[in-house]
């Protein structure tokens, strides 16, 4: 295996692993958002109007 072939192989493999890691992290974030939805200012205002 020549140096050029080895270098290109390592570059493609490194980019592939990087993109797979980013995809995995994005899926984890989406899962956490579904499990623990964000309660913003709108929900606080609605609960204050109902109680008071």
PDB file of N, CA and C in Angstrom:
ATOM      1  N   UNK A   1       0.853  -1.178   0.000  1.00  0.00           N
ATOM      2  CA  UNK A   1       0.000   0.000   0.000  1.00  0.00           C
ATOM      3  C   UNK A   1       0.900   1.243   0.000  1.00  0.00           C
ATOM      4  N   UNK A   2       0.639   2.108  -0.934  1.00  0.00           N
ATOM      5  CA  UNK A   2       1.463   3.318  -1.024  1.00  0.00           C
ATOM      6  C   UNK A   2       1.043   4.328   0.038  1.00  0.00           C
ATOM      7  N   UNK A   3       1.890   5.292   0.230  1.00  0.00           N
ATOM      8  CA  UNK A   3       1.603   6.327   1.223  1.00  0.00           C
ATOM      9  C   UNK A   3       0.351   7.124   0.849  1.00  0.00           C
ATOM     10  N   UNK A   4       0.159   7.377  -0.452  1.00  0.00           N
ATOM     11  CA  UNK A   4      -1.007   8.136  -0.894  1.00  0.00           C
ATOM     12  C   UNK A   4      -2.293   7.358  -0.616  1.00  0.00           C
ATOM     13  N   UNK A   5      -2.293   6.080  -0.917  1.00  0.00           N
ATOM     14  CA  UNK A   5      -3.474   5.249  -0.678  1.00  0.00           C
ATOM     15  C   UNK A   5      -3.787   5.181   0.814  1.00  0.00           C
ATOM     16  N   UNK A   6      -2.757   5.004   1.611  1.00  0.00           N
ATOM     17  CA  UNK A   6      -2.956   4.948   3.057  1.00  0.00           C
ATOM     18  C   UNK A   6      -3.503   6.268   3.587  1.00  0.00           C
ATOM     19  N   UNK A   7      -2.954   7.373   3.112  1.00  0.00           N
ATOM     20  CA  UNK A   7      -3.409   8.685   3.566  1.00  0.00           C
ATOM     21  C   UNK A   7      -4.848   8.958   3.188  1.00  0.00           C
ATOM     22  N   UNK A   8      -5.220   8.629   1.956  1.00  0.00           N
ATOM     23  CA  UNK A   8      -6.611   8.833   1.527  1.00  0.00           C
ATOM     24  C   UNK A   8      -7.577   7.924   2.289  1.00  0.00           C
ATOM     25  N   UNK A   9      -7.145   6.697   2.527  1.00  0.00           N
ATOM     26  CA  UNK A   9      -7.993   5.769   3.289  1.00  0.00           C
ATOM     27  C   UNK A   9      -8.233   6.291   4.702  1.00  0.00           C
ATOM     28  N   UNK A  10      -7.165   6.738   5.353  1.00  0.00           N
ATOM     29  CA  UNK A  10      -7.313   7.259   6.709  1.00  0.00           C
ATOM     30  C   UNK A  10      -8.163   8.529   6.737  1.00  0.00           C
ATOM     31  N   UNK A  11      -8.048   9.364   5.705  1.00  0.00           N
ATOM     32  CA  UNK A  11      -8.849  10.586   5.638  1.00  0.00           C
ATOM     33  C   UNK A  11     -10.328  10.248   5.514  1.00  0.00           C
ATOM     34  N   UNK A  12     -10.660   9.329   4.606  1.00  0.00           N
ATOM     35  CA  UNK A  12     -12.060   8.954   4.403  1.00  0.00           C
ATOM     36  C   UNK A  12     -12.619   8.270   5.640  1.00  0.00           C
ATOM     37  N   UNK A  13     -11.837   7.401   6.257  1.00  0.00           N
ATOM     38  CA  UNK A  13     -12.306   6.719   7.466  1.00  0.00           C
ATOM     39  C   UNK A  13     -12.496   7.714   8.612  1.00  0.00           C
ATOM     40  N   UNK A  14     -11.598   8.648   8.749  1.00  0.00           N
ATOM     41  CA  UNK A  14     -11.722   9.648   9.813  1.00  0.00           C
ATOM     42  C   UNK A  14     -12.947  10.520   9.627  1.00  0.00           C
ATOM     43  N   UNK A  15     -13.212  10.936   8.384  1.00  0.00           N
ATOM     44  CA  UNK A  15     -14.398  11.745   8.115  1.00  0.00           C
ATOM     45  C   UNK A  15     -15.668  10.937   8.371  1.00  0.00           C
ATOM     46  N   UNK A  16     -15.648   9.674   7.986  1.00  0.00           N
ATOM     47  CA  UNK A  16     -16.819   8.820   8.196  1.00  0.00           C
ATOM     48  C   UNK A  16     -17.129   8.639   9.670  1.00  0.00           C
ATOM     49  N   UNK A  17     -16.110   8.384  10.460  1.00  0.00           N
ATOM     50  CA  UNK A  17     -16.315   8.211  11.903  1.00  0.00           C
ATOM     51  C   UNK A  17     -16.798   9.508  12.534  1.00  0.00           C
ATOM     52  N   UNK A  18     -16.270  10.628  12.069  1.00  0.00           N
ATOM     53  CA  UNK A  18     -16.697  11.931  12.602  1.00  0.00           C
ATOM     54  C   UNK A  18     -18.172  12.172  12.312  1.00  0.00           C
ATOM     55  N   UNK A  19     -18.601  11.931  11.084  1.00  0.00           N
ATOM     56  CA  UNK A  19     -20.009  12.142  10.741  1.00  0.00           C
ATOM     57  C   UNK A  19     -20.927  11.161  11.466  1.00  0.00           C
ATOM     58  N   UNK A  20     -20.492   9.925  11.641  1.00  0.00           N
ATOM     59  CA  UNK A  20     -21.303   8.967  12.393  1.00  0.00           C
ATOM     60  C   UNK A  20     -21.439   9.380  13.854  1.00  0.00           C
ATOM     61  N   UNK A  21     -20.372   9.918  14.428  1.00  0.00           N
ATOM     62  CA  UNK A  21     -20.432  10.395  15.811  1.00  0.00           C
ATOM     63  C   UNK A  21     -21.388  11.575  15.939  1.00  0.00           C
ATOM     64  N   UNK A  22     -21.327  12.508  14.983  1.00  0.00           N
ATOM     65  CA  UNK A  22     -22.251  13.646  15.015  1.00  0.00           C
ATOM     66  C   UNK A  22     -23.695  13.194  14.846  1.00  0.00           C
ATOM     67  N   UNK A  23     -23.929  12.225  13.981  1.00  0.00           N
ATOM     68  CA  UNK A  23     -25.280  11.682  13.800  1.00  0.00           C
ATOM     69  C   UNK A  23     -25.777  11.033  15.086  1.00  0.00           C
ATOM     70  N   UNK A  24     -24.919  10.272  15.745  1.00  0.00           N
ATOM     71  CA  UNK A  24     -25.286   9.626  17.002  1.00  0.00           C
ATOM     72  C   UNK A  24     -25.630  10.653  18.082  1.00  0.00           C
ATOM     73  N   UNK A  25     -24.830  11.708  18.173  1.00  0.00           N
ATOM     74  CA  UNK A  25     -25.112  12.753  19.158  1.00  0.00           C
ATOM     75  C   UNK A  25     -26.415  13.484  18.847  1.00  0.00           C
ATOM     76  N   UNK A  26     -26.687  13.730  17.564  1.00  0.00           N
ATOM     77  CA  UNK A  26     -27.937  14.397  17.191  1.00  0.00           C
ATOM     78  C   UNK A  26     -29.134  13.528  17.551  1.00  0.00           C
ATOM     79  N   UNK A  27     -29.030  12.227  17.334  1.00  0.00           N
ATOM     80  CA  UNK A  27     -30.128  11.329  17.699  1.00  0.00           C
ATOM     81  C   UNK A  27     -30.329  11.276  19.208  1.00  0.00           C
ATOM     82  N   UNK A  28     -29.244  11.311  19.951  1.00  0.00           N
ATOM     83  CA  UNK A  28     -29.360  11.335  21.418  1.00  0.00           C
ATOM     84  C   UNK A  28     -30.036  12.611  21.897  1.00  0.00           C
ATOM     85  N   UNK A  29     -29.700  13.736  21.300  1.00  0.00           N
ATOM     86  CA  UNK A  29     -30.316  15.006  21.688  1.00  0.00           C
ATOM     87  C   UNK A  29     -31.807  14.983  21.365  1.00  0.00           C
ATOM     88  N   UNK A  30     -32.172  14.474  20.194  1.00  0.00           N
ATOM     89  CA  UNK A  30     -33.598  14.391  19.839  1.00  0.00           C
ATOM     90  C   UNK A  30     -34.358  13.477  20.791  1.00  0.00           C
ATOM     91  N   UNK A  31     -33.735  12.381  21.180  1.00  0.00           N
ATOM     92  CA  UNK A  31     -34.379  11.471  22.129  1.00  0.00           C
ATOM     93  C   UNK A  31     -34.579  12.158  23.473  1.00  0.00           C
ATOM     94  N   UNK A  32     -33.573  12.882  23.944  1.00  0.00           N
ATOM     95  CA  UNK A  32     -33.695  13.581  25.222  1.00  0.00           C
ATOM     96  C   UNK A  32     -34.749  14.681  25.156  1.00  0.00           C
ATOM     97  N   UNK A  33     -34.864  15.359  24.016  1.00  0.00           N
ATOM     98  CA  UNK A  33     -35.886  16.394  23.876  1.00  0.00           C
ATOM     99  C   UNK A  33     -37.272  15.776  23.929  1.00  0.00           C
ATOM    100  N   UNK A  34     -37.434  14.595  23.343  1.00  0.00           N
ATOM    101  CA  UNK A  34     -38.754  13.930  23.412  1.00  0.00           C
ATOM    102  C   UNK A  34     -39.063  13.449  24.822  1.00  0.00           C
ATOM    103  N   UNK A  35     -38.053  12.973  25.522  1.00  0.00           N
ATOM    104  CA  UNK A  35     -38.285  12.469  26.873  1.00  0.00           C
ATOM    105  C   UNK A  35     -38.512  13.602  27.867  1.00  0.00           C
ATOM    106  N   UNK A  36     -37.801  14.705  27.702  1.00  0.00           N
ATOM    107  CA  UNK A  36     -37.892  15.839  28.612  1.00  0.00           C
ATOM    108  C   UNK A  36     -38.175  17.102  27.817  1.00  0.00           C
ATOM    109  N   UNK A  37     -39.429  17.345  27.456  1.00  0.00           N
ATOM    110  CA  UNK A  37     -39.739  18.515  26.626  1.00  0.00           C
ATOM    111  C   UNK A  37     -39.453  19.818  27.368  1.00  0.00           C
ATOM    112  N   UNK A  38     -39.069  20.842  26.603  1.00  0.00           N
ATOM    113  CA  UNK A  38     -38.732  22.147  27.165  1.00  0.00           C
ATOM    114  C   UNK A  38     -40.008  22.892  27.525  1.00  0.00           C
ATOM    115  N   UNK A  39     -40.054  23.418  28.725  1.00  0.00           N
ATOM    116  CA  UNK A  39     -41.195  24.221  29.155  1.00  0.00           C
ATOM    117  C   UNK A  39     -40.752  25.672  29.163  1.00  0.00           C
ATOM    118  N   UNK A  40     -41.159  26.402  28.150  1.00  0.00           N
ATOM    119  CA  UNK A  40     -40.708  27.775  27.981  1.00  0.00           C
ATOM    120  C   UNK A  40     -41.561  28.774  28.732  1.00  0.00           C
ATOM    121  N   UNK A  41     -41.416  30.035  28.390  1.00  0.00           N
ATOM    122  CA  UNK A  41     -42.135  31.124  29.027  1.00  0.00           C
ATOM    123  C   UNK A  41     -43.639  31.037  28.763  1.00  0.00           C
ATOM    124  N   UNK A  42     -44.034  30.495  27.617  1.00  0.00           N
ATOM    125  CA  UNK A  42     -45.460  30.399  27.284  1.00  0.00           C
ATOM    126  C   UNK A  42     -46.205  29.543  28.290  1.00  0.00           C
ATOM    127  N   UNK A  43     -45.601  28.429  28.677  1.00  0.00           N
ATOM    128  CA  UNK A  43     -46.251  27.548  29.640  1.00  0.00           C
ATOM    129  C   UNK A  43     -46.349  28.208  31.018  1.00  0.00           C
ATOM    130  N   UNK A  44     -45.353  28.986  31.392  1.00  0.00           N
ATOM    131  CA  UNK A  44     -45.388  29.664  32.689  1.00  0.00           C
ATOM    132  C   UNK A  44     -46.507  30.697  32.720  1.00  0.00           C
ATOM    133  N   UNK A  45     -46.678  31.427  31.623  1.00  0.00           N
ATOM    134  CA  UNK A  45     -47.730  32.440  31.566  1.00  0.00           C
ATOM    135  C   UNK A  45     -49.107  31.791  31.613  1.00  0.00           C
ATOM    136  N   UNK A  46     -49.291  30.670  30.933  1.00  0.00           N
ATOM    137  CA  UNK A  46     -50.579  29.990  30.927  1.00  0.00           C
ATOM    138  C   UNK A  46     -50.927  29.467  32.308  1.00  0.00           C
ATOM    139  N   UNK A  47     -49.936  28.928  33.034  1.00  0.00           N
ATOM    140  CA  UNK A  47     -50.229  28.398  34.367  1.00  0.00           C
ATOM    141  C   UNK A  47     -50.513  29.531  35.346  1.00  0.00           C
ATOM    142  N   UNK A  48     -49.871  30.704  35.165  1.00  0.00           N
ATOM    143  CA  UNK A  48     -50.136  31.824  36.055  1.00  0.00           C
ATOM    144  C   UNK A  48     -51.527  32.387  35.815  1.00  0.00           C
ATOM    145  N   UNK A  49     -51.982  32.413  34.580  1.00  0.00           N
ATOM    146  CA  UNK A  49     -53.319  32.933  34.275  1.00  0.00           C
ATOM    147  C   UNK A  49     -54.394  32.010  34.840  1.00  0.00           C
ATOM    148  N   UNK A  50     -54.149  30.683  34.789  1.00  0.00           N
ATOM    149  CA  UNK A  50     -55.143  29.746  35.284  1.00  0.00           C
ATOM    150  C   UNK A  50     -55.250  29.828  36.807  1.00  0.00           C
ATOM    151  N   UNK A  51     -54.107  29.969  37.479  1.00  0.00           N
ATOM    152  CA  UNK A  51     -54.135  29.954  38.942  1.00  0.00           C
ATOM    153  C   UNK A  51     -54.521  31.305  39.532  1.00  0.00           C
ATOM    154  N   UNK A  52     -54.378  32.388  38.786  1.00  0.00           N
ATOM    155  CA  UNK A  52     -54.610  33.689  39.401  1.00  0.00           C
ATOM    156  C   UNK A  52     -55.524  34.513  38.658  1.00  0.00           C
TER     157      UNK A  52
END
